Protein backbone atom coordinates (compact mmCIF):
# COMPACT_ATOMS: atom_id res chain seq x y z
CA MET A 1 0.00 0.00 0.00
CA PHE A 2 2.96 2.30 0.67
CA CYS A 3 4.17 2.07 -2.92
CA VAL A 4 0.66 2.73 -4.24
CA ALA A 5 0.15 5.73 -1.99
CA HIS A 6 3.49 7.33 -2.89
CA GLU A 7 3.69 7.01 -6.67
CA SER A 8 6.58 9.45 -7.04
CA ARG A 9 8.71 7.25 -4.82
CA TRP A 10 7.69 4.04 -6.54
CA LEU A 11 11.07 2.78 -7.78
CA SER A 12 13.00 3.00 -4.53
CA CYS A 13 10.05 1.46 -2.70
CA GLN A 14 9.89 -1.40 -5.19
CA ILE A 15 13.63 -1.97 -4.80
CA VAL A 16 13.31 -2.76 -1.13
CA LEU A 17 10.33 -4.99 -1.80
CA LEU A 18 12.44 -6.97 -4.23
CA VAL A 19 15.36 -7.04 -1.78
CA LEU A 20 13.14 -8.69 0.79
CA ALA A 21 11.11 -10.86 -1.55
CA VAL A 22 13.81 -12.60 -3.59
CA GLY A 23 14.82 -16.14 -2.67
CA TRP A 24 18.07 -18.04 -2.45
CA ARG A 25 19.43 -21.38 -3.63
CA ALA A 26 19.14 -24.40 -1.39
CA ALA A 27 22.92 -24.59 -0.86
CA LEU A 28 25.94 -22.30 -0.95
CA VAL A 29 27.50 -21.77 -4.37
CA PRO A 30 31.20 -21.20 -5.10
CA LEU A 31 32.58 -17.69 -5.04
CA GLY A 32 31.68 -15.84 -8.24
CA ALA A 33 33.10 -12.88 -10.04
CA CYS A 34 31.51 -10.56 -7.49
CA GLY A 35 33.48 -12.28 -4.75
CA GLU A 36 30.76 -13.56 -2.45
CA ALA A 37 28.91 -16.83 -2.06
CA ARG A 38 25.13 -16.94 -1.87
CA PRO A 39 23.48 -17.62 1.49
CA PRO A 40 21.34 -20.78 1.68
CA GLN A 41 17.70 -20.63 0.63
CA GLY A 42 15.56 -18.93 3.24
CA ALA A 43 18.40 -16.90 4.72
CA ARG A 44 16.55 -13.66 4.03
CA LEU A 45 12.95 -12.66 4.59
CA GLY A 46 11.07 -13.99 1.57
CA VAL A 47 7.66 -13.46 3.18
CA GLU A 48 4.52 -11.52 2.42
CA SER A 49 5.11 -9.18 5.36
CA ALA A 50 8.35 -8.08 3.70
CA LEU A 51 6.82 -8.05 0.21
CA ARG A 52 4.05 -5.73 1.34
CA SER A 53 6.58 -3.54 3.14
CA ARG A 54 4.48 -3.26 6.25
CA GLN A 55 3.66 -4.90 9.52
CA GLU A 56 0.26 -5.72 10.90
CA VAL A 57 -0.18 -4.61 14.49
CA ALA A 58 -2.51 -7.10 16.13
CA ALA A 59 -5.70 -5.84 17.68
CA PRO A 60 -7.97 -8.03 19.83
CA VAL A 61 -10.70 -9.60 17.74
CA GLY A 62 -14.05 -10.07 19.37
CA ASP A 63 -17.46 -10.67 17.88
CA PRO A 64 -17.95 -9.39 14.33
CA GLY A 65 -18.48 -5.65 14.59
CA GLU A 66 -16.02 -5.06 17.43
CA ASN A 67 -12.62 -3.38 16.99
CA VAL A 68 -13.55 -2.25 13.51
CA VAL A 69 -11.13 -0.06 11.55
CA PRO A 70 -12.80 2.08 8.86
CA GLU A 71 -12.21 0.78 5.38
CA ALA A 72 -9.40 2.49 3.48
CA ALA A 73 -10.18 4.41 0.32
CA ALA A 74 -7.85 2.23 -1.77
CA ASP A 75 -9.00 -1.29 -1.01
CA ILE A 76 -6.45 -4.05 -1.41
CA GLU A 77 -8.89 -6.11 -3.46
CA ARG A 78 -11.46 -5.27 -6.11
CA ASP A 79 -14.82 -6.73 -5.24
CA GLY A 80 -17.15 -6.84 -8.23
CA ALA A 81 -20.90 -6.82 -7.92
CA ALA A 82 -22.81 -9.98 -8.74
CA ALA A 83 -23.88 -10.29 -12.35
CA PRO A 84 -26.15 -12.78 -14.08
CA GLY A 85 -25.36 -15.06 -16.97
CA VAL A 86 -22.03 -16.51 -15.80
CA ALA A 87 -21.20 -20.21 -16.04
CA GLU A 88 -22.86 -22.14 -13.29
CA GLY A 89 -22.48 -25.56 -11.73
CA GLU A 90 -19.55 -27.54 -10.48
CA VAL A 91 -16.68 -28.75 -12.57
CA ASP A 92 -17.30 -32.10 -14.23
CA GLY A 93 -14.75 -34.88 -14.00
CA THR A 94 -12.78 -33.55 -11.03
CA PRO A 95 -12.76 -34.84 -7.47
CA ASP A 96 -14.67 -32.86 -4.87
CA ALA A 97 -11.96 -31.43 -2.64
CA SER A 98 -14.31 -31.64 0.36
CA GLU A 99 -14.47 -35.47 0.26
CA PRO A 100 -12.07 -37.46 2.49
CA ALA A 101 -9.46 -39.31 0.47
CA HIS A 102 -9.86 -42.60 2.36
CA ALA A 103 -12.79 -44.13 4.21
CA LEU A 104 -10.69 -44.65 7.34
CA GLU A 105 -10.14 -40.91 7.59
CA ALA A 106 -13.81 -40.04 7.25
CA ASP A 107 -14.75 -40.05 10.93
CA ALA A 108 -11.80 -37.92 12.02
CA HIS A 109 -12.32 -35.57 9.09
CA GLU A 110 -16.00 -35.15 9.86
CA ALA A 111 -15.30 -34.46 13.53
CA ALA A 112 -12.69 -31.83 12.67
CA VAL A 113 -15.00 -30.15 10.18
CA LYS A 114 -17.84 -29.98 12.70
CA ALA A 115 -15.51 -28.49 15.32
CA SER A 116 -13.93 -25.86 13.03
CA VAL A 117 -15.81 -22.58 12.83
CA ALA A 118 -14.90 -19.47 10.84
CA ARG A 119 -16.49 -16.30 12.23
CA GLY A 120 -16.58 -12.81 10.79
CA GLN A 121 -14.72 -12.17 7.56
CA SER A 122 -11.23 -12.41 6.14
CA THR A 123 -10.28 -8.90 7.23
CA CYS A 124 -12.02 -8.95 10.62
CA GLY A 125 -12.64 -12.39 12.02
CA ARG A 126 -11.52 -15.33 14.09
CA LEU A 127 -11.11 -19.07 13.80
CA GLU A 128 -12.30 -21.65 16.31
CA ASN A 129 -10.79 -25.14 16.43
CA GLY A 130 -8.69 -24.62 13.34
CA ILE A 131 -6.21 -27.34 12.43
CA GLU A 132 -2.57 -26.99 11.43
CA LEU A 133 -1.46 -27.72 7.90
CA PRO A 134 1.35 -30.26 8.26
CA ALA A 135 4.85 -29.10 7.44
CA ARG A 136 5.01 -31.70 4.68
CA GLY A 137 2.68 -34.18 3.01
CA ILE A 138 1.91 -35.88 -0.29
CA GLY A 139 2.77 -33.35 -2.97
CA PHE A 140 3.16 -30.34 -0.68
CA GLU A 141 5.24 -28.58 1.95
CA ARG A 142 5.07 -25.39 3.94
CA ALA A 143 7.52 -22.72 2.84
CA PRO A 144 10.77 -22.70 4.84
CA GLY A 145 10.97 -19.71 7.12
CA LYS A 146 7.22 -19.40 7.51
CA ARG A 147 6.00 -19.32 11.09
CA SER A 148 4.15 -22.46 12.14
CA GLU A 149 1.70 -20.40 14.17
CA HIS A 150 0.42 -18.96 10.88
CA ALA A 151 -0.28 -22.40 9.37
CA PHE A 152 -3.78 -22.94 10.79
CA GLY A 153 -6.94 -23.11 8.75
CA HIS A 154 -10.50 -24.29 8.81
CA ALA A 155 -10.57 -28.10 8.69
CA LEU A 156 -12.41 -28.03 5.36
CA VAL A 157 -9.74 -25.81 3.84
CA VAL A 158 -6.76 -27.76 5.19
CA GLY A 159 -8.29 -31.01 3.97
CA ALA A 160 -8.99 -29.53 0.54
CA LEU A 161 -5.44 -28.24 0.18
CA LYS A 162 -3.93 -31.59 1.11
CA ARG A 163 -6.09 -33.48 -1.34
CA ALA A 164 -5.53 -31.00 -4.16
CA ALA A 165 -1.76 -31.22 -3.63
CA ALA A 166 -1.95 -35.02 -3.73
CA ALA A 167 -3.95 -34.81 -6.97
CA ALA A 168 -1.33 -32.48 -8.45
CA SER A 169 1.42 -34.88 -7.44
CA SER A 170 -0.28 -37.68 -9.35
CA ARG A 171 -0.23 -35.47 -12.46
CA VAL A 172 3.22 -33.86 -12.07
CA ALA A 173 5.19 -36.23 -9.87
CA ASP A 174 8.41 -34.19 -9.58
CA GLN A 175 6.78 -31.03 -8.22
CA ARG A 176 5.62 -30.07 -4.74
CA ILE A 177 3.08 -27.34 -3.98
CA ARG A 178 4.53 -24.91 -1.47
CA PHE A 179 2.17 -23.07 0.89
CA GLY A 180 2.73 -19.74 2.57
CA ASP A 181 0.58 -18.30 5.36
CA LEU A 182 -2.91 -19.45 6.26
CA SER A 183 -4.18 -18.09 9.59
CA ARG A 184 -3.35 -18.05 13.27
CA GLU A 185 -4.74 -20.83 15.44
CA GLY A 186 -7.46 -18.61 16.88
CA GLY A 187 -7.69 -16.31 13.89
CA GLY A 188 -7.23 -12.57 14.02
CA VAL A 189 -4.53 -10.42 12.46
CA VAL A 190 -1.59 -12.17 10.81
CA PRO A 191 1.49 -9.93 10.51
CA GLY A 192 2.02 -8.86 6.92
CA HIS A 193 -1.59 -9.41 5.82
CA LEU A 194 -4.79 -7.41 5.73
CA SER A 195 -6.78 -10.64 5.50
CA HIS A 196 -6.09 -14.28 6.55
CA GLN A 197 -8.08 -13.72 9.75
CA HIS A 198 -10.59 -16.58 9.89
CA GLY A 199 -8.98 -19.65 8.36
CA LEU A 200 -10.30 -19.37 4.80
CA ASP A 201 -7.26 -17.79 3.07
CA VAL A 202 -4.00 -19.32 1.89
CA ASP A 203 -1.01 -18.12 -0.13
CA VAL A 204 0.39 -20.56 -2.67
CA PHE A 205 3.85 -20.03 -4.17
CA TRP A 206 4.31 -20.55 -7.89
CA PRO A 207 5.61 -24.02 -8.77
CA LEU A 208 8.82 -23.26 -10.65
CA ARG A 209 11.38 -24.88 -12.94
CA HIS A 210 14.88 -23.97 -14.05
CA ALA A 211 14.52 -22.08 -17.31
CA GLY A 212 17.20 -24.11 -19.04
CA SER A 213 17.03 -27.70 -17.79
CA ARG A 214 13.34 -27.60 -16.81
CA ALA A 215 14.28 -29.36 -13.58
CA PRO A 216 12.11 -28.42 -10.57
CA PHE A 217 13.23 -25.30 -8.74
CA PRO A 218 12.24 -24.72 -5.08
CA SER A 219 9.22 -22.42 -4.99
CA LEU A 220 10.12 -18.94 -3.78
CA LEU A 221 8.41 -15.56 -3.83
CA ILE A 222 9.81 -14.69 -7.26
CA PRO A 223 7.87 -12.15 -9.36
CA LEU A 224 7.13 -13.44 -12.87
CA ASP A 225 6.58 -11.54 -16.10
CA ALA A 226 4.02 -12.11 -18.84
CA ALA A 227 5.99 -15.07 -20.19
CA GLY A 228 6.00 -16.69 -16.75
CA SER A 229 9.72 -15.99 -16.41
CA GLY A 230 11.67 -14.54 -13.52
CA HIS A 231 15.00 -14.68 -11.70
CA ASP A 232 16.15 -15.79 -8.32
CA TYR A 233 18.35 -12.77 -7.66
CA GLY A 234 20.99 -13.66 -5.12
CA ASP A 235 23.29 -10.70 -4.58
CA LEU A 236 21.34 -7.78 -5.99
CA ALA A 237 24.59 -5.98 -6.79
CA CYS A 238 26.02 -8.95 -8.72
CA PRO A 239 24.51 -10.49 -11.88
CA ASP A 240 26.73 -13.58 -11.78
CA ASP A 241 24.54 -15.59 -9.42
CA ASP A 242 21.12 -14.83 -10.98
CA ILE A 243 19.13 -18.00 -11.72
CA PRO A 244 16.43 -17.83 -14.47
CA VAL A 245 13.22 -19.69 -13.62
CA VAL A 246 9.86 -20.31 -15.30
CA LEU A 247 6.35 -21.05 -14.06
CA ASP A 248 5.24 -24.70 -14.10
CA ALA A 249 1.70 -24.02 -15.33
CA ALA A 250 0.77 -27.70 -15.57
CA ALA A 251 1.58 -28.30 -11.91
CA LEU A 252 -0.40 -25.24 -10.84
CA TRP A 253 -3.42 -26.25 -12.91
CA ALA A 254 -3.25 -29.80 -11.53
CA PHE A 255 -3.48 -28.30 -8.04
CA LEU A 256 -6.21 -25.75 -8.82
CA GLU A 257 -8.51 -28.07 -10.77
CA PRO A 258 -9.94 -30.04 -7.81
CA LEU A 259 -10.32 -26.86 -5.75
CA LEU A 260 -12.26 -25.14 -8.51
CA GLY A 261 -14.49 -28.19 -8.82
CA ALA A 262 -15.50 -28.39 -5.17
CA LYS A 263 -18.87 -27.21 -3.89
CA GLU A 264 -17.49 -26.91 -0.35
CA PRO A 265 -15.18 -25.32 0.43
CA ALA A 266 -15.93 -23.23 -2.65
CA VAL A 267 -13.27 -20.93 -4.05
CA ALA A 268 -14.39 -17.32 -3.78
CA ARG A 269 -11.32 -15.58 -5.20
CA LEU A 270 -7.98 -16.31 -6.83
CA LEU A 271 -5.90 -13.16 -6.49
CA LEU A 272 -3.05 -12.97 -8.99
CA ALA A 273 -1.52 -10.58 -11.51
CA GLU A 274 -3.56 -10.09 -14.66
CA HIS A 275 -0.71 -11.01 -17.00
CA LEU A 276 -0.28 -14.35 -15.24
CA ARG A 277 -4.02 -14.99 -15.44
CA THR A 278 -3.72 -14.51 -19.20
CA LEU A 279 -0.74 -16.84 -19.36
CA LEU A 280 -2.46 -19.58 -17.34
CA LEU A 281 -5.53 -19.46 -19.55
CA ALA A 282 -3.32 -19.85 -22.63
CA GLU A 283 -1.50 -22.77 -21.02
CA ALA A 284 -4.81 -24.41 -20.09
CA ALA A 285 -5.54 -24.97 -23.79
CA ARG A 286 -2.44 -27.19 -23.94
CA LEU A 287 -3.58 -29.53 -21.16
CA PRO A 288 -5.95 -32.16 -22.59
CA TRP A 289 -6.80 -33.57 -19.15
CA LEU A 290 -8.00 -30.24 -17.74
CA ALA A 291 -11.79 -30.01 -17.27
CA PRO A 292 -13.24 -27.12 -19.34
CA LYS A 293 -15.53 -26.09 -16.49
CA ALA A 294 -12.49 -25.69 -14.23
CA VAL A 295 -11.13 -23.20 -16.73
CA GLU A 296 -14.45 -21.34 -16.84
CA ARG A 297 -14.58 -21.16 -13.06
CA PHE A 298 -10.99 -19.87 -13.06
CA ARG A 299 -11.98 -17.14 -15.52
CA GLU A 300 -14.76 -16.07 -13.19
CA VAL A 301 -12.99 -15.99 -9.81
CA THR A 302 -9.60 -14.52 -10.81
CA CYS A 303 -8.72 -10.87 -10.30
CA GLN A 304 -5.61 -8.75 -9.73
CA PRO A 305 -5.72 -6.89 -6.40
CA LEU A 306 -4.85 -3.24 -6.19
CA ALA A 307 -1.63 -3.80 -4.27
CA PRO A 308 0.64 -5.65 -4.36
CA PRO A 309 0.07 -7.21 -7.80
CA HIS A 310 0.47 -10.86 -6.67
CA ASP A 311 2.99 -11.66 -9.38
CA ASP A 312 5.00 -13.91 -7.04
CA HIS A 313 2.19 -16.08 -5.62
CA VAL A 314 -1.54 -16.71 -5.83
CA HIS A 315 -3.83 -15.94 -2.91
CA ILE A 316 -6.77 -18.33 -2.60
CA ARG A 317 -9.84 -17.26 -0.64
CA PHE A 318 -12.70 -19.63 0.09
CA PHE A 319 -16.35 -18.88 0.73
CA CYS A 320 -17.74 -19.57 4.19
CA PRO A 321 -18.74 -23.17 4.88
CA MET A 322 -22.53 -23.30 4.83
CA ALA A 323 -22.78 -24.38 8.47
CA ASP A 324 -20.56 -21.50 9.57
CA ILE A 325 -22.75 -18.84 7.95
CA ARG A 326 -25.34 -19.61 10.61
CA ASN A 327 -22.61 -19.08 13.23
CA GLY A 328 -21.47 -15.65 12.06
CA CYS A 329 -19.21 -16.32 9.06
CA GLU A 330 -19.66 -13.65 6.38
CA ASP A 331 -19.22 -14.36 2.67
CA PRO A 332 -16.95 -12.01 0.72
CA ALA A 333 -18.06 -10.21 -2.42
CA PRO A 334 -18.82 -11.02 -5.15
CA ILE A 335 -21.65 -13.53 -4.80
CA TYR A 336 -21.64 -15.38 -8.12
CA THR A 337 -24.86 -16.79 -9.53
CA TRP A 338 -23.82 -20.36 -8.72
CA ARG A 339 -23.01 -19.34 -5.14
CA ALA A 340 -26.37 -17.60 -4.80
CA ARG A 341 -28.05 -20.79 -5.97
CA HIS A 342 -26.18 -22.88 -3.40
CA LEU A 343 -27.13 -20.47 -0.61
CA GLU A 344 -30.76 -20.39 -1.68
CA GLY A 345 -30.83 -24.18 -1.71
CA VAL A 346 -30.07 -24.35 2.00
CA GLY A 347 -32.19 -21.36 3.00
CA LEU A 348 -29.36 -18.86 3.52
CA PRO A 349 -29.30 -15.21 2.42
CA GLN A 350 -27.65 -14.58 -0.94
CA ARG A 351 -25.62 -11.52 -0.09
CA ALA A 352 -22.09 -10.46 0.74
CA SER A 353 -21.22 -8.54 3.89
CA LYS A 354 -19.73 -5.08 3.85
CA ARG A 355 -16.02 -5.27 4.45
CA ARG A 356 -14.57 -4.34 7.82
CA ARG A 357 -10.98 -4.31 8.97
CA CYS A 358 -9.49 -5.18 12.34
CA GLY A 359 -5.90 -4.26 13.15
CA LYS A 360 -3.50 -1.51 12.19
CA THR A 361 -1.03 -1.22 9.34
CA ALA A 362 2.44 0.32 9.63
CA THR A 363 4.40 1.43 6.54
CA VAL A 364 8.14 1.56 5.90
CA SER A 365 9.64 5.00 5.44
CA MET A 366 11.55 5.91 2.30
CA ALA A 367 14.76 6.29 4.30
CA GLN A 368 14.36 2.78 5.67
CA ALA A 369 13.56 1.45 2.22
CA ARG A 370 16.60 3.00 0.58
CA ARG A 371 18.97 1.83 3.32
CA ALA A 372 17.67 -1.72 2.97
CA ALA A 373 18.04 -1.69 -0.82
CA GLY A 374 21.75 -1.01 -1.10
CA GLU A 375 23.44 -1.43 -4.48
CA ILE A 376 21.60 -3.19 -7.32
CA HIS A 377 22.84 -4.20 -10.76
CA VAL A 378 21.39 -3.00 -14.04
CA ASP A 379 19.29 -6.12 -14.74
CA VAL A 380 17.42 -5.63 -11.47
CA GLU A 381 16.85 -1.96 -12.35
CA ARG A 382 15.40 -3.01 -15.71
CA PHE A 383 13.17 -5.60 -14.11
CA LEU A 384 11.81 -3.05 -11.65
CA ASP A 385 11.00 -0.73 -14.56
CA ARG A 386 9.12 -3.57 -16.28
CA ARG A 387 7.34 -4.55 -13.09
CA ARG A 388 5.94 -1.07 -12.78
CA THR A 389 3.95 -1.60 -15.99
CA TRP A 390 1.83 -4.36 -14.44
CA SER A 391 1.67 -3.28 -10.79
CA ARG A 392 -1.56 -1.37 -11.26
CA PRO A 393 -4.51 -3.62 -12.18
CA PRO A 394 -6.03 -2.95 -15.60
CA LYS A 395 -9.66 -2.24 -16.30
CA THR A 396 -10.87 -5.64 -17.46
CA GLY A 397 -14.57 -5.08 -18.06
CA ARG A 398 -15.29 -8.53 -16.63
CA PRO A 399 -18.47 -8.91 -14.54
CA TYR A 400 -16.71 -9.77 -11.26
CA CYS A 401 -13.40 -8.00 -11.79
CA PRO A 402 -14.17 -4.65 -13.41
């Protein structure tokens, strides 16, 4: 939000965001021409709190309506109004991500789902009896350096993520989906986020490959351009250790497909940069196994937020579980026609709640930003100039992402 609010200072602000967002190799490399070895992967802060160049100051979260901070003029997301005539129904031919993978797990899964309750909304809410996403599982892992206390989610969401990652692994066996922050165990403000407060949000890093060999590359918060290309910049002052990477679109689609096909938990939003949305839709046409209705649902629920552009990860937000709406969970906008039909079918109101915010946001001063940036080489300067062209969301004219 700092970079958006201070347009004249955009470049130096973006420099520090890149300083803090770039990742590192998994092991030290030999000394290069610049004279220094790279630190191991995760040695620096490659987290959303650094990317957003702010800290969230926790405020106590009570019942919805308490501790409310007035909504800022420049909202971090663009919520479109509901519009008729959009593709309806669930995705054919994909597993429902809400179903337990094995019969033996059904009882425990059902008990956890009944106990988990999301209250309030993503920007002002809490989570009761959330469960922790394991550090590692079939086809997935939590990002190194992420705090385990921010790895809690609603049981429906955690189960859906695990099963979608397992499904992706069966399609693309050499990749692992890497998860960033979910929520705190009891919900409330998560440092570095305006949302993630009630267990229904998760950040997913891009699955990546080496640009040359196409071998898997550990997922990091690396901004990607319209071709799905980026660099793991090691020493920002030295070009010798830069590693070119590319998006693994097939692995990402294999993960998203079962989520987009589930009735509960239903995906409400996929927040990502517009140019990467375009790229993923083009790549979808090359995947014969991908259900067409998954692609249509993706078209409907994707939108670039106002800031930051989400060019280094995708933020997934789920609608409230039906049972939780009766217990104070509030659906985010927009309410699509298929969502309205689901709500009507169980006798629930078909409307989104007005957004509220709990917690305070601190920005980083320009002096702090410039000191943190240090020296950068010309390729980084050029990338920052290019990144500026897509950091503001375009006017799309789409019904739910105007």
